[in-house]
């Protein structure tokens, strides 16, 4: 009984380590094959449009409603201590440090990540990747690398838009609906938000999240079974793994940045 349990544990551990090792090799191969993109930047810009532009609506709308909620909850909490004038600072710090990068990454995984996984998985199921290899075209350079770098570029931009729209949402609720002084709202935010410690740390987080989510989505699509069921399972794994990775990385980076 114990020997069977140890055997199963060892087999599962070996499978996980094999998967991690293959993922690292795939990531290094993508990075090595990215040099050719300097000669064909259109491949990346087209994917930035596909990934970023089509994710813009859900990012902006979600940021607006998150700003609404932060404005309401922050006002009710700060009123207990007579500090409702600091609502702008609370909204800005919450968005730039945490909610902007994290929520954007989760939405990005659900919208763009699943799209990338399904696209690559269907290309594999339709043997398009094999056809490229037969013609002497490396699919990692022609298909995977442009999408990888496009996700890295698009994520910080989308996170910045999320935070900006969220601040506007907090302003509409706090100033226009609840009657907080407009000058105090903006002056507290301006004096309390540090460009280096708050904004750039949030940008760095979104950059790391972009690497993680884009790679996981492309990895799952590239390794998906070439069947409809295999593509569906790979899409589901993308959302689950990417979401857990984003939350874990957020904890680690927050602990290091704001220690």
Protein backbone atom coordinates (compact mmCIF):
# COMPACT_ATOMS: atom_id res chain seq x y z
CA UNK A 1 0.00 0.00 0.00
CA UNK A 2 2.71 2.45 1.02
CA UNK A 3 4.94 1.40 -1.88
CA UNK A 4 2.11 1.98 -4.36
CA UNK A 5 1.47 5.41 -2.88
CA UNK A 6 5.17 6.30 -3.11
CA UNK A 7 5.27 5.07 -6.70
CA UNK A 8 2.27 7.20 -7.64
CA UNK A 9 3.79 10.20 -5.90
CA UNK A 10 7.10 9.71 -7.69
CA UNK A 11 5.37 9.33 -11.05
CA UNK A 12 3.34 12.51 -10.52
CA UNK A 13 6.43 14.43 -9.41
CA UNK A 14 8.37 13.25 -12.44
CA UNK A 15 5.53 14.29 -14.75
CA UNK A 16 5.42 17.77 -13.20
CA UNK A 17 9.19 18.17 -13.43
CA UNK A 18 9.16 17.01 -17.05
CA UNK A 19 6.49 19.57 -17.85
CA UNK A 20 8.41 22.36 -16.13
CA UNK A 21 11.61 21.39 -17.91
CA UNK A 22 9.89 21.35 -21.30
CA UNK A 23 8.27 24.73 -20.58
CA UNK A 24 11.65 26.27 -19.76
CA UNK A 25 13.19 24.87 -22.95
CA UNK A 26 10.25 26.18 -24.97
CA UNK A 27 10.60 29.63 -23.42
CA UNK A 28 14.33 29.72 -24.24
CA UNK A 29 13.60 28.62 -27.80
CA UNK A 30 11.04 31.42 -28.19
CA UNK A 31 13.52 34.00 -26.90
CA UNK A 32 16.28 32.69 -29.17
CA UNK A 33 13.98 32.80 -32.17
CA UNK A 34 12.81 36.36 -31.53
CA UNK A 35 15.72 38.04 -33.28
CA UNK A 36 14.08 37.68 -36.68
CA UNK A 37 11.18 39.84 -35.50
CA UNK A 38 13.42 42.90 -35.72
CA UNK A 39 13.35 42.48 -39.49
CA UNK A 40 9.58 41.90 -39.57
CA UNK A 41 8.01 44.07 -36.84
CA UNK A 42 4.65 43.94 -38.59
CA UNK A 43 4.19 40.43 -37.22
CA UNK A 44 4.27 41.82 -33.68
CA UNK A 45 2.21 44.96 -34.34
CA UNK A 46 -0.58 42.94 -35.94
CA UNK A 47 -0.75 40.72 -32.87
CA UNK A 48 -0.68 43.73 -30.53
CA UNK A 49 -3.74 45.01 -32.36
CA UNK A 50 -5.42 41.62 -32.14
CA UNK A 51 -4.61 41.05 -28.47
CA UNK A 52 -4.81 44.58 -27.10
CA UNK A 53 -7.50 46.26 -29.16
CA UNK A 54 -9.99 43.43 -28.81
CA UNK A 55 -9.40 43.30 -25.04
CA UNK A 56 -9.78 47.06 -24.60
CA UNK A 57 -13.56 47.18 -24.06
CA UNK A 58 -13.70 44.59 -21.29
CA UNK A 59 -10.65 46.13 -19.61
CA UNK A 60 -12.09 49.66 -19.69
CA UNK A 61 -15.58 48.66 -18.54
CA UNK A 62 -14.20 46.48 -15.75
CA UNK A 63 -11.87 49.29 -14.62
CA UNK A 64 -14.78 51.74 -14.49
CA UNK A 65 -16.89 49.50 -12.29
CA UNK A 66 -13.94 48.62 -10.06
CA UNK A 67 -13.42 52.36 -9.61
CA UNK A 68 -17.10 52.75 -8.70
CA UNK A 69 -16.82 50.04 -6.05
CA UNK A 70 -13.58 51.45 -4.65
CA UNK A 71 -15.17 54.88 -4.42
CA UNK A 72 -18.17 53.59 -2.49
CA UNK A 73 -16.34 51.20 -0.18
CA UNK A 74 -13.48 53.62 0.42
CA UNK A 75 -15.85 56.46 1.26
CA UNK A 76 -17.84 54.41 3.77
CA UNK A 77 -14.63 53.20 5.43
CA UNK A 78 -12.83 56.56 5.52
CA UNK A 79 -15.91 58.36 6.85
CA UNK A 80 -15.61 56.43 10.10
CA UNK A 81 -12.25 58.12 10.71
CA UNK A 82 -13.11 61.52 9.25
CA UNK A 83 -10.66 61.01 6.38
CA UNK A 84 -13.00 60.91 3.41
CA UNK A 85 -10.90 63.60 1.69
CA UNK A 86 -8.22 60.93 1.19
CA UNK A 87 -10.51 58.90 -1.07
CA UNK A 88 -8.54 59.87 -4.18
CA UNK A 89 -5.32 58.59 -2.63
CA UNK A 90 -6.98 55.33 -1.60
CA UNK A 91 -8.41 54.73 -5.06
CA UNK A 92 -5.15 55.58 -6.85
CA UNK A 93 -2.92 53.44 -4.63
CA UNK A 94 -5.31 50.48 -4.77
CA UNK A 95 -5.39 50.59 -8.55
CA UNK A 96 -1.77 51.35 -9.38
CA UNK A 97 -0.26 48.95 -6.85
CA UNK A 98 -2.58 45.96 -6.94
CA UNK A 99 -5.95 45.96 -8.65
CA UNK A 100 -4.82 47.45 -11.94
CA UNK A 101 -2.12 44.89 -12.78
CA UNK A 102 -3.82 41.89 -11.13
CA UNK A 103 -7.36 42.30 -12.43
CA UNK A 104 -6.05 43.22 -15.88
CA UNK A 105 -3.92 40.07 -15.93
CA UNK A 106 -6.87 37.89 -14.90
CA UNK A 107 -9.10 39.45 -17.54
CA UNK A 108 -6.27 39.16 -20.07
CA UNK A 109 -5.95 35.46 -19.31
CA UNK A 110 -9.68 34.95 -19.75
CA UNK A 111 -9.98 36.99 -22.94
CA UNK A 112 -6.70 37.04 -24.86
CA UNK A 113 -5.06 34.00 -23.25
CA UNK A 114 -7.85 31.62 -24.18
CA UNK A 115 -7.96 33.10 -27.67
CA UNK A 116 -4.24 32.48 -28.16
CA UNK A 117 -4.49 28.92 -26.85
CA UNK A 118 -7.45 28.08 -29.06
CA UNK A 119 -5.81 29.67 -32.11
CA UNK A 120 -2.53 27.77 -31.72
CA UNK A 121 -4.35 24.57 -30.79
CA UNK A 122 -6.57 24.74 -33.88
CA UNK A 123 -3.54 25.46 -36.06
CA UNK A 124 -1.94 22.34 -34.65
CA UNK A 125 -5.11 20.30 -35.10
CA UNK A 126 -5.36 21.49 -38.71
CA UNK A 127 -1.69 20.55 -39.26
CA UNK A 128 -0.80 24.12 -40.23
CA UNK A 129 2.21 24.08 -37.92
CA UNK A 130 3.41 20.81 -39.47
CA UNK A 131 2.93 22.31 -42.93
CA UNK A 132 5.14 25.26 -41.95
CA UNK A 133 7.86 22.88 -40.81
CA UNK A 134 7.60 21.00 -44.10
CA UNK A 135 8.16 24.29 -45.96
CA UNK A 136 11.19 25.13 -43.82
CA UNK A 137 9.41 27.78 -41.73
CA UNK A 138 9.99 27.62 -37.98
CA UNK A 139 6.55 27.96 -36.30
CA UNK A 140 8.19 29.19 -33.11
CA UNK A 141 9.60 32.21 -34.96
CA UNK A 142 6.68 32.81 -37.31
CA UNK A 143 3.70 32.07 -35.06
CA UNK A 144 4.62 31.76 -31.38
CA UNK A 145 7.24 34.50 -30.86
CA UNK A 146 5.18 37.40 -32.32
CA UNK A 147 2.24 36.55 -30.10
CA UNK A 148 4.48 36.19 -27.07
CA UNK A 149 6.02 39.65 -27.44
CA UNK A 150 2.69 41.20 -28.36
CA UNK A 151 1.23 40.00 -25.08
CA UNK A 152 4.18 41.44 -23.17
CA UNK A 153 3.71 44.84 -24.83
CA UNK A 154 -0.08 44.89 -24.55
CA UNK A 155 -0.36 43.97 -20.87
CA UNK A 156 1.23 47.12 -19.32
CA UNK A 157 -0.78 49.33 -21.67
CA UNK A 158 -4.03 47.62 -20.75
CA UNK A 159 -3.16 47.79 -17.03
CA UNK A 160 -2.51 51.53 -17.34
CA UNK A 161 -5.86 52.02 -19.07
CA UNK A 162 -7.58 49.97 -16.37
CA UNK A 163 -6.06 52.11 -13.61
CA UNK A 164 -6.83 55.36 -15.41
CA UNK A 165 -10.47 54.47 -16.01
CA UNK A 166 -10.72 53.18 -12.42
CA UNK A 167 -9.54 56.53 -11.06
CA UNK A 168 -12.18 58.25 -13.19
CA UNK A 169 -14.79 55.89 -11.77
CA UNK A 170 -13.68 56.68 -8.22
CA UNK A 171 -13.84 60.40 -9.04
CA UNK A 172 -17.39 60.14 -10.40
CA UNK A 173 -18.60 58.32 -7.30
CA UNK A 174 -16.63 60.25 -4.71
CA UNK A 175 -16.86 63.78 -6.09
CA UNK A 176 -19.95 63.83 -8.27
CA UNK A 177 -22.17 61.47 -6.32
CA UNK A 178 -20.99 61.67 -2.69
CA UNK A 179 -19.90 65.31 -2.65
CA UNK A 180 -16.19 65.07 -1.72
CA UNK A 181 -14.25 68.23 -2.46
CA UNK A 182 -12.75 67.93 -5.94
CA UNK A 183 -9.54 69.78 -5.06
CA UNK A 184 -8.92 67.56 -2.04
CA UNK A 185 -9.57 64.43 -4.12
CA UNK A 186 -6.91 65.28 -6.70
CA UNK A 187 -4.40 66.98 -4.38
CA UNK A 188 -4.32 64.03 -1.96
CA UNK A 189 -3.78 61.70 -4.90
CA UNK A 190 -1.03 63.88 -6.37
CA UNK A 191 0.88 64.23 -3.12
CA UNK A 192 0.52 60.63 -1.96
CA UNK A 193 1.20 58.59 -5.12
CA UNK A 194 4.90 58.15 -5.83
CA UNK A 195 5.92 57.60 -9.43
CA UNK A 196 8.77 55.24 -8.64
CA UNK A 197 7.38 53.27 -5.71
CA UNK A 198 3.75 52.99 -6.81
CA UNK A 199 3.26 53.55 -10.52
CA UNK A 200 6.46 51.94 -11.83
CA UNK A 201 6.09 49.00 -9.47
CA UNK A 202 2.63 48.45 -10.91
CA UNK A 203 4.04 48.69 -14.44
CA UNK A 204 6.72 46.14 -13.55
CA UNK A 205 4.06 43.80 -12.17
CA UNK A 206 1.99 44.05 -15.34
CA UNK A 207 5.12 43.39 -17.42
CA UNK A 208 5.83 40.19 -15.47
CA UNK A 209 2.19 39.15 -15.70
CA UNK A 210 2.32 39.71 -19.44
CA UNK A 211 5.27 37.33 -19.75
CA UNK A 212 3.60 34.69 -17.59
CA UNK A 213 0.11 34.78 -19.12
CA UNK A 214 1.30 35.01 -22.73
CA UNK A 215 3.74 32.15 -22.35
CA UNK A 216 1.28 29.90 -20.53
CA UNK A 217 -1.37 30.50 -23.20
CA UNK A 218 1.02 29.76 -26.06
CA UNK A 219 2.57 26.78 -24.26
CA UNK A 220 -0.81 25.17 -23.66
CA UNK A 221 -1.89 25.78 -27.25
CA UNK A 222 1.39 24.44 -28.67
CA UNK A 223 1.17 21.28 -26.57
CA UNK A 224 -2.59 20.73 -26.95
CA UNK A 225 -3.82 17.43 -28.27
CA UNK A 226 -4.85 17.92 -31.94
CA UNK A 227 -8.51 17.18 -31.25
CA UNK A 228 -11.50 19.37 -30.31
CA UNK A 229 -11.45 17.91 -26.80
CA UNK A 230 -7.72 18.50 -26.49
CA UNK A 231 -8.03 22.15 -27.51
CA UNK A 232 -10.91 22.64 -25.06
CA UNK A 233 -8.89 21.15 -22.20
CA UNK A 234 -5.87 23.27 -23.11
CA UNK A 235 -8.01 26.42 -23.07
CA UNK A 236 -9.32 25.52 -19.62
CA UNK A 237 -5.81 24.84 -18.34
CA UNK A 238 -4.69 28.24 -19.63
CA UNK A 239 -7.22 30.08 -17.48
CA UNK A 240 -6.54 27.98 -14.38
CA UNK A 241 -2.74 27.96 -14.55
CA UNK A 242 -2.43 31.60 -15.63
CA UNK A 243 -4.79 32.82 -12.88
CA UNK A 244 -2.94 30.91 -10.17
CA UNK A 245 0.42 32.07 -11.52
CA UNK A 246 -0.70 35.71 -11.52
CA UNK A 247 -1.85 35.54 -7.90
CA UNK A 248 1.32 33.76 -6.77
CA UNK A 249 3.60 36.20 -8.60
CA UNK A 250 1.63 39.13 -7.20
CA UNK A 251 2.23 37.92 -3.65
CA UNK A 252 5.95 37.43 -4.25
CA UNK A 253 6.47 40.78 -5.95
CA UNK A 254 4.41 42.66 -3.37
CA UNK A 255 6.44 41.10 -0.57
CA UNK A 256 9.68 42.16 -2.28
CA UNK A 257 8.62 45.63 -3.45
CA UNK A 258 6.90 46.94 -0.35
CA UNK A 259 8.97 45.23 2.34
